[in-house]
Amino acid sequence: MTRSLSAVLSPVVLASLVGGVPLLAEADQGRLIATGGASSIEGAAGGGIIPWAVLGGYDEQGEWSANLFGTHINLPDYTLDVAGAGFTYGNRVEFSYAHQRFDLGSLVHKFSLPDDNLTQDIFGVKLRLFGDLIYDQLPQVSAGLEYKHQNDFLIPHLVGAKRDADVEGYLTASRLFMGAAFGYNVVVNGGVRYSRANETGLLGFGGDRRDTRSVLKEGSVALLFNPRWAVGVEYREKPDNLSFAGESDWADAFVGWFPNKHVSVVLAYARLGEIATLDNQNGTYLSVQGSF
């Protein structure tokens, strides 16, 4: 079984990254700019391809915040479009929703498929357990659950997937280190996911090769070279449940811009490896989020 390192851009990684000393000047009220994060392709705040321990928005105790986001990934043989929303209360609990549409492109003609796209709905909840990204001696640690429902199960079923819906959990920790890299702030995130989703669930859950959940590693590192700009990388281990095609691990390289507390933009080069028998899926990633 071969795993290739790939790269999908990470919209959220950046968001939670920008929160160091230079940002103190930007915090006229409430939480620091960019510490609300961006929105991942599955809806949760944190990174583009994985959740972080940060929660979306800039709410504090007793307050609500909300965000809307849209993401487009353009690959040689596929496109992925994601739209969603998130709600956070008291910087303690986050609720999120994402709708994914995966256009199958050239795969439709190659295999004479009955549908030209796959869609999925994801409902998530994340709870901050303890710690703080910046101010506590302990890192910020959060746990989350995601309910995923694949809406077009005929194709996943034909290639060996066992079910069209599932629940997966994750545990993640995030920490900002002030001036750690030549005077620049660095954010480090690490986590584990308990999942059997095929291509995040777009190809269903479980398979003919394995139908049990796996413990999967995730992680990110980001450099905050400016109060409003960040660059970084992310990694996400993925299962390999289907025998008809390999499933690559993912990684990302990105640049994020946070002009204020209401807008974030992430642009990246995406390298997703093998997806449904087609290799070298390298392309562009763009995500925009509005926070209120």
Protein backbone atom coordinates (compact mmCIF):
# COMPACT_ATOMS: atom_id res chain seq x y z
CA MET A 1 0.00 0.00 0.00
CA THR A 2 1.55 3.30 -1.09
CA ARG A 3 0.93 6.67 0.44
CA SER A 4 1.94 9.83 -1.42
CA LEU A 5 2.34 13.20 0.17
CA SER A 6 0.10 15.70 -1.47
CA ALA A 7 -0.88 19.24 -1.02
CA VAL A 8 -4.27 20.88 -0.97
CA LEU A 9 -4.26 24.35 0.25
CA SER A 10 -5.17 25.13 3.70
CA PRO A 11 -7.47 28.01 4.25
CA VAL A 12 -7.83 27.73 7.90
CA VAL A 13 -4.34 27.02 8.89
CA LEU A 14 -3.50 30.58 8.39
CA ALA A 15 -6.28 32.02 10.33
CA SER A 16 -5.40 30.48 13.57
CA LEU A 17 -1.81 31.21 12.90
CA VAL A 18 -1.75 34.90 13.03
CA GLY A 19 -1.88 35.76 16.68
CA GLY A 20 1.50 36.81 17.95
CA VAL A 21 3.14 39.87 19.43
CA PRO A 22 2.70 42.02 16.28
CA LEU A 23 -1.02 41.32 16.51
CA LEU A 24 -1.35 42.91 19.90
CA ALA A 25 -1.52 46.26 18.19
CA GLU A 26 -4.43 45.02 16.12
CA ALA A 27 -6.52 43.89 19.08
CA ASP A 28 -8.51 47.03 19.75
CA GLN A 29 -11.18 44.88 21.38
CA GLY A 30 -11.80 41.22 22.00
CA ARG A 31 -9.67 38.44 20.57
CA LEU A 32 -6.70 39.15 18.32
CA ILE A 33 -7.08 39.39 14.57
CA ALA A 34 -6.84 36.05 12.72
CA THR A 35 -7.14 33.94 15.87
CA GLY A 36 -10.69 33.06 14.77
CA GLY A 37 -9.17 31.04 11.95
CA ALA A 38 -10.46 30.30 8.48
CA SER A 39 -12.79 27.48 7.41
CA SER A 40 -11.57 24.04 6.40
CA ILE A 41 -13.08 22.06 3.53
CA GLU A 42 -15.17 20.21 6.15
CA GLY A 43 -16.42 23.39 7.83
CA ALA A 44 -14.49 23.46 11.12
CA ALA A 45 -12.12 26.31 11.94
CA GLY A 46 -8.41 25.66 11.89
CA GLY A 47 -6.73 24.63 8.64
CA GLY A 48 -7.67 24.07 5.03
CA ILE A 49 -7.51 20.30 5.22
CA ILE A 50 -7.68 19.68 8.98
CA PRO A 51 -9.38 21.28 12.00
CA TRP A 52 -7.30 23.20 14.53
CA ALA A 53 -7.98 23.66 18.22
CA VAL A 54 -9.05 27.27 17.56
CA LEU A 55 -12.73 28.15 17.25
CA GLY A 56 -14.17 30.30 14.47
CA GLY A 57 -15.06 33.96 14.96
CA TYR A 58 -13.96 36.44 17.64
CA ASP A 59 -16.59 35.95 20.33
CA GLU A 60 -15.74 35.97 24.03
CA GLN A 61 -17.63 34.74 27.07
CA GLY A 62 -21.39 35.19 26.63
CA GLU A 63 -21.11 36.20 22.96
CA TRP A 64 -22.05 34.57 19.64
CA SER A 65 -20.22 34.87 16.32
CA ALA A 66 -20.88 33.52 12.84
CA ASN A 67 -19.05 33.02 9.56
CA LEU A 68 -19.80 32.12 5.96
CA PHE A 69 -17.24 30.68 3.55
CA GLY A 70 -16.70 29.41 0.04
CA THR A 71 -13.82 27.32 -1.32
CA HIS A 72 -12.87 26.26 -4.87
CA ILE A 73 -10.17 23.71 -5.75
CA ASN A 74 -9.31 23.32 -9.43
CA LEU A 75 -7.44 20.15 -10.47
CA PRO A 76 -6.50 18.65 -13.86
CA ASP A 77 -9.34 16.10 -13.78
CA TYR A 78 -11.64 17.30 -10.98
CA THR A 79 -13.00 20.35 -9.21
CA LEU A 80 -14.19 20.65 -5.63
CA ASP A 81 -16.55 23.41 -4.47
CA VAL A 82 -17.45 23.87 -0.81
CA ALA A 83 -19.84 26.32 0.84
CA GLY A 84 -20.76 26.48 4.50
CA ALA A 85 -21.26 28.33 7.73
CA GLY A 86 -20.18 28.21 11.35
CA PHE A 87 -21.47 29.48 14.70
CA THR A 88 -19.43 29.83 17.88
CA TYR A 89 -20.50 30.65 21.43
CA GLY A 90 -18.29 32.05 24.16
CA ASN A 91 -15.05 30.87 22.53
CA ARG A 92 -16.02 27.48 23.97
CA VAL A 93 -18.15 25.57 21.44
CA GLU A 94 -18.38 25.71 17.63
CA PHE A 95 -21.09 24.38 15.31
CA SER A 96 -20.35 24.07 11.59
CA TYR A 97 -21.90 22.96 8.31
CA ALA A 98 -20.31 22.35 4.92
CA HIS A 99 -21.74 21.23 1.58
CA GLN A 100 -19.23 19.71 -0.84
CA ARG A 101 -19.67 19.20 -4.59
CA PHE A 102 -16.99 17.12 -6.32
CA ASP A 103 -17.18 17.27 -10.13
CA LEU A 104 -15.77 14.08 -11.64
CA GLY A 105 -14.56 15.64 -14.90
CA SER A 106 -12.72 13.24 -17.21
CA LEU A 107 -13.55 10.26 -14.98
CA VAL A 108 -17.16 10.37 -16.26
CA HIS A 109 -16.10 9.52 -19.82
CA LYS A 110 -13.29 7.16 -18.79
CA PHE A 111 -15.67 4.84 -16.91
CA SER A 112 -19.07 5.85 -18.40
CA LEU A 113 -20.29 6.88 -14.96
CA PRO A 114 -24.00 7.44 -14.26
CA ASP A 115 -23.36 10.77 -12.47
CA ASP A 116 -20.96 13.63 -13.19
CA ASN A 117 -20.56 14.77 -9.57
CA LEU A 118 -20.64 13.61 -5.96
CA THR A 119 -21.99 15.68 -3.06
CA GLN A 120 -21.69 15.46 0.70
CA ASP A 121 -23.12 17.29 3.72
CA ILE A 122 -21.06 17.61 6.90
CA PHE A 123 -22.36 18.72 10.31
CA GLY A 124 -19.74 19.36 12.96
CA VAL A 125 -19.34 20.34 16.60
CA LYS A 126 -16.07 21.27 18.31
CA LEU A 127 -15.51 21.87 22.04
CA ARG A 128 -12.52 23.72 23.50
CA LEU A 129 -11.46 21.52 26.42
CA PHE A 130 -8.72 23.63 28.03
CA GLY A 131 -5.75 25.92 27.38
CA ASP A 132 -5.34 28.90 25.08
CA LEU A 133 -3.56 29.49 21.78
CA ILE A 134 -1.53 32.38 23.25
CA TYR A 135 -2.16 33.28 26.87
CA ASP A 136 -2.21 30.00 28.81
CA GLN A 137 0.78 27.87 29.79
CA LEU A 138 -1.01 24.92 28.18
CA PRO A 139 -1.75 24.71 24.44
CA GLN A 140 -5.34 25.09 23.35
CA VAL A 141 -6.86 21.61 23.12
CA SER A 142 -10.20 20.86 21.42
CA ALA A 143 -12.23 17.77 20.57
CA GLY A 144 -14.73 17.47 17.74
CA LEU A 145 -17.27 15.23 16.05
CA GLU A 146 -18.38 15.33 12.41
CA TYR A 147 -21.45 13.64 10.95
CA LYS A 148 -21.00 13.11 7.21
CA HIS A 149 -23.62 12.04 4.69
CA GLN A 150 -22.67 11.15 1.11
CA ASN A 151 -25.67 12.05 -1.05
CA ASP A 152 -24.90 10.11 -4.25
CA PHE A 153 -24.00 6.62 -3.09
CA LEU A 154 -24.33 4.65 -6.34
CA ILE A 155 -20.76 5.27 -7.51
CA PRO A 156 -19.12 4.80 -4.06
CA HIS A 157 -21.11 1.57 -3.65
CA LEU A 158 -19.96 0.28 -7.04
CA VAL A 159 -16.29 0.81 -6.12
CA GLY A 160 -16.63 -0.97 -2.78
CA ALA A 161 -17.75 1.56 -0.13
CA LYS A 162 -19.86 0.03 2.65
CA ARG A 163 -22.02 2.95 3.84
CA ASP A 164 -23.19 6.41 2.81
CA ALA A 165 -22.95 8.08 6.25
CA ASP A 166 -20.71 7.94 9.29
CA VAL A 167 -19.48 9.82 12.35
CA GLU A 168 -15.80 10.54 12.96
CA GLY A 169 -14.01 12.21 15.85
CA TYR A 170 -10.80 14.16 16.31
CA LEU A 171 -8.61 15.61 19.05
CA THR A 172 -6.32 18.53 18.27
CA ALA A 173 -3.94 20.93 20.04
CA SER A 174 -2.63 24.32 18.87
CA ARG A 175 0.08 26.61 20.25
CA LEU A 176 1.59 29.93 19.15
CA PHE A 177 5.30 30.44 19.91
CA MET A 178 6.30 34.10 20.10
CA GLY A 179 9.41 35.03 18.09
CA ALA A 180 10.37 31.38 17.62
CA ALA A 181 11.73 31.65 14.05
CA PHE A 182 14.20 34.53 13.60
CA GLY A 183 11.89 36.79 15.55
CA TYR A 184 8.71 35.70 13.75
CA ASN A 185 5.81 33.99 15.48
CA VAL A 186 5.13 30.34 14.71
CA VAL A 187 1.97 28.30 15.22
CA VAL A 188 2.21 24.53 15.62
CA ASN A 189 -0.81 22.23 15.50
CA GLY A 190 -1.07 18.47 15.95
CA GLY A 191 -3.97 16.06 16.17
CA VAL A 192 -5.43 12.62 15.57
CA ARG A 193 -8.61 11.61 13.74
CA TYR A 194 -10.66 8.42 14.12
CA SER A 195 -12.20 7.80 10.70
CA ARG A 196 -12.97 5.40 7.85
CA ALA A 197 -13.96 8.05 5.30
CA ASN A 198 -12.85 7.51 1.71
CA GLU A 199 -11.55 10.79 0.23
CA THR A 200 -13.02 12.60 3.28
CA GLY A 201 -16.35 10.80 2.65
CA LEU A 202 -17.00 11.80 -0.96
CA LEU A 203 -16.44 8.14 -1.88
CA GLY A 204 -18.41 6.84 1.08
CA PHE A 205 -17.15 5.15 4.24
CA GLY A 206 -15.36 1.86 4.78
CA GLY A 207 -14.48 -0.47 1.93
CA ASP A 208 -13.79 -3.91 0.57
CA ARG A 209 -10.21 -3.73 1.85
CA ARG A 210 -11.03 -2.50 5.35
CA ASP A 211 -14.25 -1.44 7.07
CA THR A 212 -12.92 -0.35 10.46
CA ARG A 213 -11.97 3.14 11.61
CA SER A 214 -8.28 4.09 11.64
CA VAL A 215 -6.35 6.45 13.92
CA LEU A 216 -4.93 9.04 11.52
CA LYS A 217 -2.30 11.72 12.21
CA GLU A 218 -2.70 15.40 11.29
CA GLY A 219 -0.45 18.42 11.75
CA SER A 220 0.43 21.96 10.67
CA VAL A 221 3.15 24.58 11.02
CA ALA A 222 2.73 28.24 10.04
CA LEU A 223 5.00 31.30 10.03
CA LEU A 224 3.42 34.68 10.77
CA PHE A 225 5.68 37.12 8.98
CA ASN A 226 3.24 40.02 9.24
CA PRO A 227 0.17 40.80 11.40
CA ARG A 228 -2.02 40.24 8.34
CA TRP A 229 -0.09 37.61 6.39
CA ALA A 230 0.92 33.99 7.03
CA VAL A 231 2.50 31.10 5.15
CA GLY A 232 2.57 27.48 6.19
CA VAL A 233 2.24 23.77 5.51
CA GLU A 234 -0.20 21.09 6.63
CA TYR A 235 -0.32 17.31 6.56
CA ARG A 236 -3.22 14.87 6.80
CA GLU A 237 -2.91 11.10 6.90
CA LYS A 238 -5.74 9.25 5.14
CA PRO A 239 -6.98 5.64 5.20
CA ASP A 240 -6.76 3.24 2.26
CA ASN A 241 -10.01 1.26 2.44
CA LEU A 242 -10.81 0.66 -1.25
CA SER A 243 -8.98 -1.79 -3.47
CA PHE A 244 -9.98 -0.18 -6.78
CA ALA A 245 -7.63 2.80 -6.20
CA GLY A 246 -5.03 4.06 -3.75
CA GLU A 247 -5.75 7.03 -1.49
CA SER A 248 -2.93 9.51 -1.01
CA ASP A 249 -2.08 11.33 2.18
CA TRP A 250 -2.56 15.08 1.81
CA ALA A 251 -0.32 18.02 2.51
CA ASP A 252 -0.58 21.73 1.71
CA ALA A 253 1.42 24.91 1.23
CA PHE A 254 -0.48 28.20 1.49
CA VAL A 255 -0.49 31.94 1.90
CA GLY A 256 -3.24 33.65 3.90
CA TRP A 257 -4.33 37.29 4.07
CA PHE A 258 -6.35 38.69 7.01
CA PRO A 259 -7.08 42.37 6.33
CA ASN A 260 -9.42 42.65 9.34
CA LYS A 261 -11.58 40.55 11.68
CA HIS A 262 -14.33 40.19 9.08
CA VAL A 263 -12.48 38.81 6.04
CA SER A 264 -9.87 36.16 5.33
CA VAL A 265 -8.52 34.96 1.98
CA VAL A 266 -6.38 31.88 1.37
CA LEU A 267 -4.64 31.08 -1.90
CA ALA A 268 -2.56 27.96 -2.49
CA TYR A 269 -1.14 25.41 -4.84
CA ALA A 270 -2.90 22.08 -4.35
CA ARG A 271 -1.25 18.72 -4.86
CA LEU A 272 -3.68 15.96 -3.96
CA GLY A 273 -1.93 12.88 -5.32
CA GLU A 274 -4.07 9.99 -6.53
CA ILE A 275 -7.85 10.39 -6.49
CA ALA A 276 -10.07 7.58 -7.82
CA THR A 277 -7.37 6.06 -10.11
CA LEU A 278 -6.17 9.41 -11.51
CA ASP A 279 -2.75 10.51 -10.25
CA ASN A 280 -0.93 13.87 -10.09
CA GLN A 281 -3.95 15.97 -9.23
CA ASN A 282 -2.13 19.29 -8.84
CA GLY A 283 -3.93 22.62 -9.05
CA THR A 284 -5.04 25.80 -7.32
CA TYR A 285 -7.02 26.45 -4.17
CA LEU A 286 -8.92 29.59 -3.21
CA SER A 287 -11.00 30.15 -0.07
CA VAL A 288 -12.79 33.28 1.16
CA GLN A 289 -14.46 33.69 4.56
CA GLY A 290 -16.59 36.42 6.09
CA SER A 291 -16.97 36.65 9.90
CA PHE A 292 -19.63 38.55 11.85
